[in-house]
Amino acid sequence: MKQAQKGFTLIELMIVVAIIGILAAVAVPAYQNYTLKARYTEVVNATAPLKTAVELCTQTGNCLVAGAIVVPATGARQAVEVPDDVGAQGIIATIAVDAAGVITATPQAVQGFVAGDTYILTPTYVAATGGVTWARTGGCSTRAAGSVC
């Protein structure tokens, strides 16, 4: 009488290990990319209070000169200041608003970020609505094709 097979053969186990290895080779880089993008949201979110300040300053007319956004550092008009707690902890190295209302946020060069990951928001005044539109440059978009982020 023929004896029934018990357990797995060596080739079956090797096929399972090969399949797991292939899945891991695809999953690990995708996971690293995902976590880097998730960490970068802290940089993007740190600009939110400054965007609101520039928009408020523009809508009240305190930051407009001949239809262009001009953020005063001092003077009678309202100034846009960087709050003390923005970037005080976490991944933000520096964050600033220049005289034209451009917000520049730079992450620390840790956890996969590099100096070229600076996130820049440029405001444009929309006279028809009295609002501001934001153009995003820098950040993860400046990396070479096929790189992480």
Protein backbone atom coordinates (compact mmCIF):
# COMPACT_ATOMS: atom_id res chain seq x y z
CA MET A 1 0.00 0.00 0.00
CA LYS A 2 1.19 3.50 -0.85
CA GLN A 3 1.91 5.80 2.09
CA ALA A 4 0.17 9.26 2.07
CA GLN A 5 2.34 12.37 1.83
CA LYS A 6 2.95 14.16 5.14
CA GLY A 7 4.08 17.80 5.12
CA PHE A 8 5.61 19.90 2.36
CA THR A 9 8.42 19.03 -0.01
CA LEU A 10 11.58 21.10 -0.13
CA ILE A 11 10.69 22.60 -3.52
CA GLU A 12 7.31 23.76 -2.25
CA LEU A 13 8.94 25.52 0.70
CA MET A 14 11.53 27.14 -1.59
CA ILE A 15 8.76 28.46 -3.87
CA VAL A 16 6.98 30.02 -0.88
CA VAL A 17 10.21 31.67 0.33
CA ALA A 18 10.88 33.02 -3.19
CA ILE A 19 7.38 34.51 -3.42
CA ILE A 20 7.74 36.17 0.00
CA GLY A 21 11.13 37.56 -1.06
CA ILE A 22 9.68 39.08 -4.23
CA LEU A 23 6.80 40.66 -2.32
CA ALA A 24 9.22 42.09 0.25
CA ALA A 25 11.44 43.53 -2.49
CA VAL A 26 8.46 45.49 -3.82
CA ALA A 27 6.83 46.37 -0.50
CA VAL A 28 9.81 47.78 1.43
CA PRO A 29 10.66 50.62 -1.03
CA ALA A 30 6.97 51.48 -1.38
CA TYR A 31 6.62 51.64 2.41
CA GLN A 32 9.71 53.87 2.75
CA ASN A 33 8.28 56.23 0.11
CA TYR A 34 4.94 56.30 1.91
CA THR A 35 6.49 57.11 5.30
CA LEU A 36 8.62 59.91 3.81
CA LYS A 37 5.53 61.49 2.25
CA ALA A 38 3.67 61.15 5.54
CA ARG A 39 6.50 62.87 7.44
CA TYR A 40 6.57 65.65 4.81
CA THR A 41 3.00 66.59 5.70
CA GLU A 42 4.41 68.17 8.87
CA VAL A 43 6.32 70.61 6.66
CA VAL A 44 3.19 71.37 4.63
CA ASN A 45 1.00 71.73 7.73
CA ALA A 46 3.48 74.13 9.37
CA THR A 47 2.74 76.67 6.63
CA ALA A 48 -1.02 76.75 7.37
CA PRO A 49 -0.96 79.53 10.01
CA LEU A 50 1.27 81.66 7.80
CA LYS A 51 -0.99 81.15 4.77
CA THR A 52 -3.93 82.29 6.88
CA ALA A 53 -2.01 85.34 8.10
CA VAL A 54 -1.03 86.39 4.56
CA GLU A 55 -4.59 85.87 3.30
CA LEU A 56 -6.06 87.87 6.20
CA CYS A 57 -3.54 90.64 5.73
CA THR A 58 -4.39 90.77 2.03
CA GLN A 59 -8.16 90.72 2.50
CA THR A 60 -8.03 93.59 4.98
CA GLY A 61 -5.99 95.58 2.47
CA ASN A 62 -3.02 95.95 4.78
CA CYS A 63 -0.69 93.98 2.52
CA LEU A 64 -1.65 95.31 -0.90
CA VAL A 65 0.32 97.88 -2.83
CA ALA A 66 -0.98 98.50 -6.38
CA GLY A 67 -2.55 95.03 -6.50
CA ALA A 68 0.62 93.26 -5.42
CA ILE A 69 1.12 91.51 -2.10
CA VAL A 70 3.64 93.36 0.03
CA VAL A 71 4.06 92.13 3.59
CA PRO A 72 5.47 94.83 5.85
CA ALA A 73 7.98 93.88 8.48
CA THR A 74 7.01 96.87 10.65
CA GLY A 75 4.96 100.00 10.34
CA ALA A 76 1.33 101.01 10.48
CA ARG A 77 0.15 98.17 8.28
CA GLN A 78 -0.34 94.68 9.66
CA ALA A 79 2.77 92.52 9.66
CA VAL A 80 2.82 88.77 9.14
CA GLU A 81 4.96 87.19 11.80
CA VAL A 82 6.12 83.62 12.18
CA PRO A 83 4.71 82.28 15.48
CA ASP A 84 7.32 81.13 17.97
CA ASP A 85 5.97 77.59 18.17
CA VAL A 86 5.95 76.94 14.39
CA GLY A 87 8.86 74.66 13.65
CA ALA A 88 10.02 74.65 17.26
CA GLN A 89 9.79 70.90 17.37
CA GLY A 90 9.62 68.09 14.89
CA ILE A 91 11.07 68.09 11.42
CA ILE A 92 11.01 71.83 10.56
CA ALA A 93 14.44 73.50 10.43
CA THR A 94 13.34 76.98 9.29
CA ILE A 95 10.17 78.69 8.16
CA ALA A 96 9.87 82.29 6.97
CA VAL A 97 7.67 84.79 5.13
CA ASP A 98 9.40 87.30 2.87
CA ALA A 99 8.23 90.78 1.88
CA ALA A 100 6.26 89.45 -1.11
CA GLY A 101 4.35 86.97 1.10
CA VAL A 102 6.32 83.95 -0.15
CA ILE A 103 6.40 81.26 2.54
CA THR A 104 9.50 79.05 2.66
CA ALA A 105 9.62 76.00 4.91
CA THR A 106 12.76 73.88 5.11
CA PRO A 107 12.85 70.51 6.86
CA GLN A 108 15.82 69.32 8.85
CA ALA A 109 18.17 67.07 6.90
CA VAL A 110 17.12 63.95 8.82
CA GLN A 111 14.80 61.00 8.29
CA GLY A 112 15.41 60.90 4.54
CA PHE A 113 15.02 64.63 3.83
CA VAL A 114 17.67 66.61 1.99
CA ALA A 115 18.34 70.33 1.54
CA GLY A 116 16.41 70.36 -1.76
CA ASP A 117 13.16 69.45 -0.01
CA THR A 118 12.36 73.10 0.78
CA TYR A 119 8.63 73.79 0.42
CA ILE A 120 7.79 77.18 -1.14
CA LEU A 121 4.35 78.80 -1.41
CA THR A 122 4.01 81.87 -3.62
CA PRO A 123 0.83 83.96 -3.23
CA THR A 124 -0.96 85.70 -6.07
CA TYR A 125 -3.67 88.26 -5.36
CA VAL A 126 -6.93 87.66 -7.26
CA ALA A 127 -8.60 91.06 -7.67
CA ALA A 128 -11.93 89.61 -8.84
CA THR A 129 -12.51 87.66 -5.63
CA GLY A 130 -10.25 89.55 -3.25
CA GLY A 131 -8.58 86.27 -2.35
CA VAL A 132 -5.18 84.71 -2.74
CA THR A 133 -4.11 81.71 -4.82
CA TRP A 134 -1.03 79.74 -3.87
CA ALA A 135 1.55 78.26 -6.22
CA ARG A 136 3.53 75.39 -4.70
CA THR A 137 7.14 74.81 -5.70
CA GLY A 138 10.04 72.94 -4.23
CA GLY A 139 9.59 70.16 -1.77
CA CYS A 140 9.35 66.61 -2.97
CA SER A 141 8.63 67.81 -6.52
CA THR A 142 12.25 68.95 -6.95
CA ARG A 143 13.67 65.44 -6.59
CA ALA A 144 14.87 63.50 -9.58
CA ALA A 145 12.44 61.18 -11.34
CA GLY A 146 12.20 57.82 -9.69
CA SER A 147 13.51 58.99 -6.33
CA VAL A 148 11.69 58.75 -3.05
CA CYS A 149 9.09 61.38 -2.13
